Protein backbone atom coordinates (compact mmCIF):
# COMPACT_ATOMS: atom_id res chain seq x y z
CA MET A 1 -18.72 -20.38 2.42
CA LYS A 2 -16.37 -17.57 2.03
CA PHE A 3 -19.11 -14.88 1.89
CA LEU A 4 -20.66 -16.26 5.03
CA GLN A 5 -17.04 -15.66 6.81
CA ILE A 6 -16.75 -12.52 5.38
CA ASN A 7 -20.33 -11.45 6.61
CA LEU A 8 -19.95 -12.91 10.16
CA LEU A 9 -16.68 -10.91 10.54
CA PHE A 10 -18.78 -7.80 9.05
CA THR A 11 -20.96 -8.33 11.92
CA VAL A 12 -18.58 -8.71 14.56
CA LEU A 13 -17.15 -5.40 13.47
CA TRP A 14 -20.51 -3.76 13.21
CA GLY A 15 -21.40 -4.88 16.75
CA ALA A 16 -17.77 -3.73 17.97
CA ILE A 17 -18.07 -0.41 16.18
CA SER A 18 -21.59 0.26 17.31
CA ALA A 19 -20.44 -0.90 20.85
CA SER A 20 -23.72 -3.21 21.22
CA PHE A 21 -23.59 -6.97 20.74
CA THR A 22 -27.56 -7.53 21.37
CA PRO A 23 -29.26 -9.96 19.08
CA ALA A 24 -31.43 -7.51 17.48
CA ASN A 25 -28.02 -5.29 16.63
CA LEU A 26 -25.90 -8.37 15.29
CA MET A 27 -28.90 -9.41 12.97
CA LEU A 28 -29.20 -5.94 11.83
CA GLY A 29 -25.29 -5.92 11.15
CA PHE A 30 -25.59 -9.26 9.32
CA ALA A 31 -28.12 -8.05 7.04
CA VAL A 32 -26.08 -4.77 6.52
CA GLY A 33 -23.06 -7.13 5.55
CA ALA A 34 -24.92 -9.54 3.63
CA LEU A 35 -26.65 -6.53 1.44
CA SER A 36 -23.08 -5.08 0.92
CA LEU A 37 -21.47 -8.26 -0.04
CA TRP A 38 -24.53 -8.98 -2.61
CA LEU A 39 -24.02 -5.00 -4.34
CA ILE A 40 -20.07 -5.72 -4.60
CA ARG A 41 -20.77 -9.60 -5.99
CA ARG A 42 -19.67 -8.82 -9.30
CA GLU A 43 -16.49 -7.10 -8.38
CA LEU A 44 -15.24 -9.76 -6.16
CA GLN A 45 -12.79 -12.11 -7.79
CA PRO A 46 -10.65 -14.88 -6.31
CA VAL A 47 -7.18 -13.32 -5.89
CA THR A 48 -4.52 -16.30 -6.52
CA TYR A 49 -1.13 -15.34 -5.55
CA PRO A 50 1.23 -17.82 -4.24
CA LEU A 51 1.72 -17.65 -0.53
CA ARG A 52 5.37 -16.97 -0.11
CA PRO A 53 5.91 -15.86 3.64
CA LEU A 54 9.62 -15.58 3.58
CA ARG A 55 9.40 -12.98 0.57
CA LEU A 56 6.46 -11.28 2.74
CA ALA A 57 8.44 -10.95 5.54
CA LEU A 58 11.85 -9.65 3.97
CA LEU A 59 9.32 -6.83 1.95
CA ALA A 60 7.83 -6.12 5.37
CA ALA A 61 11.60 -5.62 6.72
CA LEU A 62 12.62 -3.85 3.88
CA PHE A 63 9.72 -1.41 4.32
CA PHE A 64 10.59 -1.19 8.29
CA LYS A 65 14.16 -0.38 7.25
CA GLU A 66 13.47 2.22 4.64
CA LEU A 67 10.65 3.96 7.21
CA ALA A 68 13.55 4.19 9.69
CA VAL A 69 16.40 5.46 7.47
CA SER A 70 14.15 8.13 5.70
CA ALA A 71 12.59 9.31 8.69
CA VAL A 72 16.24 9.87 10.48
CA LYS A 73 17.38 11.94 7.06
CA VAL A 74 14.18 13.98 7.08
CA ALA A 75 14.74 14.84 10.50
CA ILE A 76 18.21 15.72 10.08
CA LEU A 77 17.27 17.55 6.96
CA VAL A 78 14.73 19.52 8.84
CA LEU A 79 16.92 20.36 11.67
CA ARG A 80 19.66 21.87 9.47
CA SER A 81 19.48 25.69 9.58
CA ARG A 82 19.99 25.46 5.50
CA MET A 83 18.21 23.16 4.03
CA GLY A 84 19.36 22.96 0.65
CA LEU A 85 16.47 20.37 -0.99
CA LYS A 86 15.64 20.38 -4.07
CA PRO A 87 12.00 19.23 -3.91
CA GLY A 88 10.50 17.85 -7.09
CA ILE A 89 8.46 15.24 -9.30
CA PHE A 90 10.02 12.59 -10.93
CA ALA A 91 8.90 9.50 -13.33
CA TYR A 92 9.29 6.30 -12.31
CA PRO A 93 8.81 3.75 -15.04
CA LEU A 94 6.95 0.69 -13.42
CA THR A 95 7.55 -2.83 -14.12
CA ALA A 96 5.05 -4.20 -12.06
CA LYS A 97 1.98 -5.24 -13.70
CA SER A 98 -0.96 -5.64 -11.76
CA ASP A 99 -3.03 -2.97 -9.99
CA PHE A 100 -2.33 -4.75 -6.65
CA GLU A 101 1.48 -4.60 -7.17
CA ILE A 102 1.28 -0.89 -8.45
CA THR A 103 -1.06 0.02 -5.56
CA LEU A 104 1.21 -1.84 -2.96
CA LEU A 105 4.17 -0.02 -4.45
CA ALA A 106 2.35 3.59 -4.67
CA ASN A 107 1.57 2.81 -0.93
CA LEU A 108 5.07 1.90 0.48
CA ILE A 109 6.28 4.79 -0.98
CA THR A 110 3.60 7.30 -0.05
CA LEU A 111 4.44 5.86 3.72
CA THR A 112 8.15 6.03 3.39
CA PRO A 113 8.82 10.22 4.84
CA GLY A 114 10.15 12.21 2.29
CA THR A 115 8.61 10.79 -0.97
CA LEU A 116 4.78 10.83 -1.92
CA SER A 117 3.36 8.95 -4.58
CA VAL A 118 1.44 11.53 -6.87
CA ASP A 119 -0.01 9.88 -9.81
CA VAL A 120 0.11 6.63 -12.14
CA SER A 121 -0.06 6.95 -15.99
CA GLU A 122 -3.27 5.77 -17.76
CA ASP A 123 -1.32 3.11 -19.46
CA ARG A 124 -0.23 2.03 -16.12
CA LYS A 125 3.38 2.37 -17.10
CA ILE A 126 4.80 5.27 -15.23
CA LEU A 127 4.27 6.22 -11.48
CA TYR A 128 4.85 10.16 -10.75
CA VAL A 129 6.56 10.49 -7.73
CA HIS A 130 7.14 13.78 -5.61
CA ALA A 131 10.35 13.50 -3.43
CA LEU A 132 11.71 16.04 -0.82
CA ASP A 133 15.04 16.06 -2.39
CA CYS A 134 15.04 15.24 -6.05
CA ALA A 135 18.40 16.39 -6.71
CA ASP A 136 19.40 13.04 -8.29
CA PRO A 137 16.40 11.33 -9.67
CA GLY A 138 18.29 8.66 -11.54
CA ALA A 139 19.53 7.17 -8.03
CA LEU A 140 15.90 7.62 -6.56
CA ARG A 141 14.71 5.64 -9.39
CA GLN A 142 17.36 2.74 -8.77
CA ASP A 143 16.44 3.04 -5.33
CA ILE A 144 12.90 1.87 -5.64
CA ALA A 145 13.70 -0.30 -8.46
CA ARG A 146 16.34 -2.35 -6.64
CA GLY A 147 14.19 -2.01 -2.93
CA PHE A 148 10.29 -1.98 -2.86
CA GLU A 149 9.47 -2.90 -6.54
CA ARG A 150 11.84 -5.79 -6.50
CA ARG A 151 10.67 -7.04 -3.39
CA ILE A 152 7.13 -6.86 -4.30
CA ARG A 153 7.81 -8.67 -7.79
CA GLU A 154 9.45 -11.72 -5.81
CA ALA A 155 6.39 -11.56 -3.09
CA PHE A 156 3.67 -11.44 -5.77
CA GLU A 157 4.75 -12.77 -9.37
CA ARG A 158 2.35 -15.50 -10.28
């Protein structure tokens, strides 16, 4: 049943993207969606994260707060006549275990102005992060651990 619902969503998206909701076009969209789902059927595994709306809201609030604060900091740095920046890459030891949690953390870091996730070690224990001002990597590590990573673990750990 879940595949049918996903395929119907794909069909509607197909019609919206192609700007044509004719029966023939929708049937083509349904067929393409069914073929796409059939091709990736082995990769689709049910994700069984508990639903924690309050924890998700806290994570979203933290992200928007960090987004605003870092955007202001970057704007101030750029507007100064002498920036005095020490850009650099630092290694952040991960406590997040699942691919989903690591990917979410890397994306939240990248979406925050002044930081960019560069790579994850092959053993998935280290995240390499580029910071616009890397004068104190220890403080940056603590900010990530106490902020994004903690909230992600609270929201998604099983």
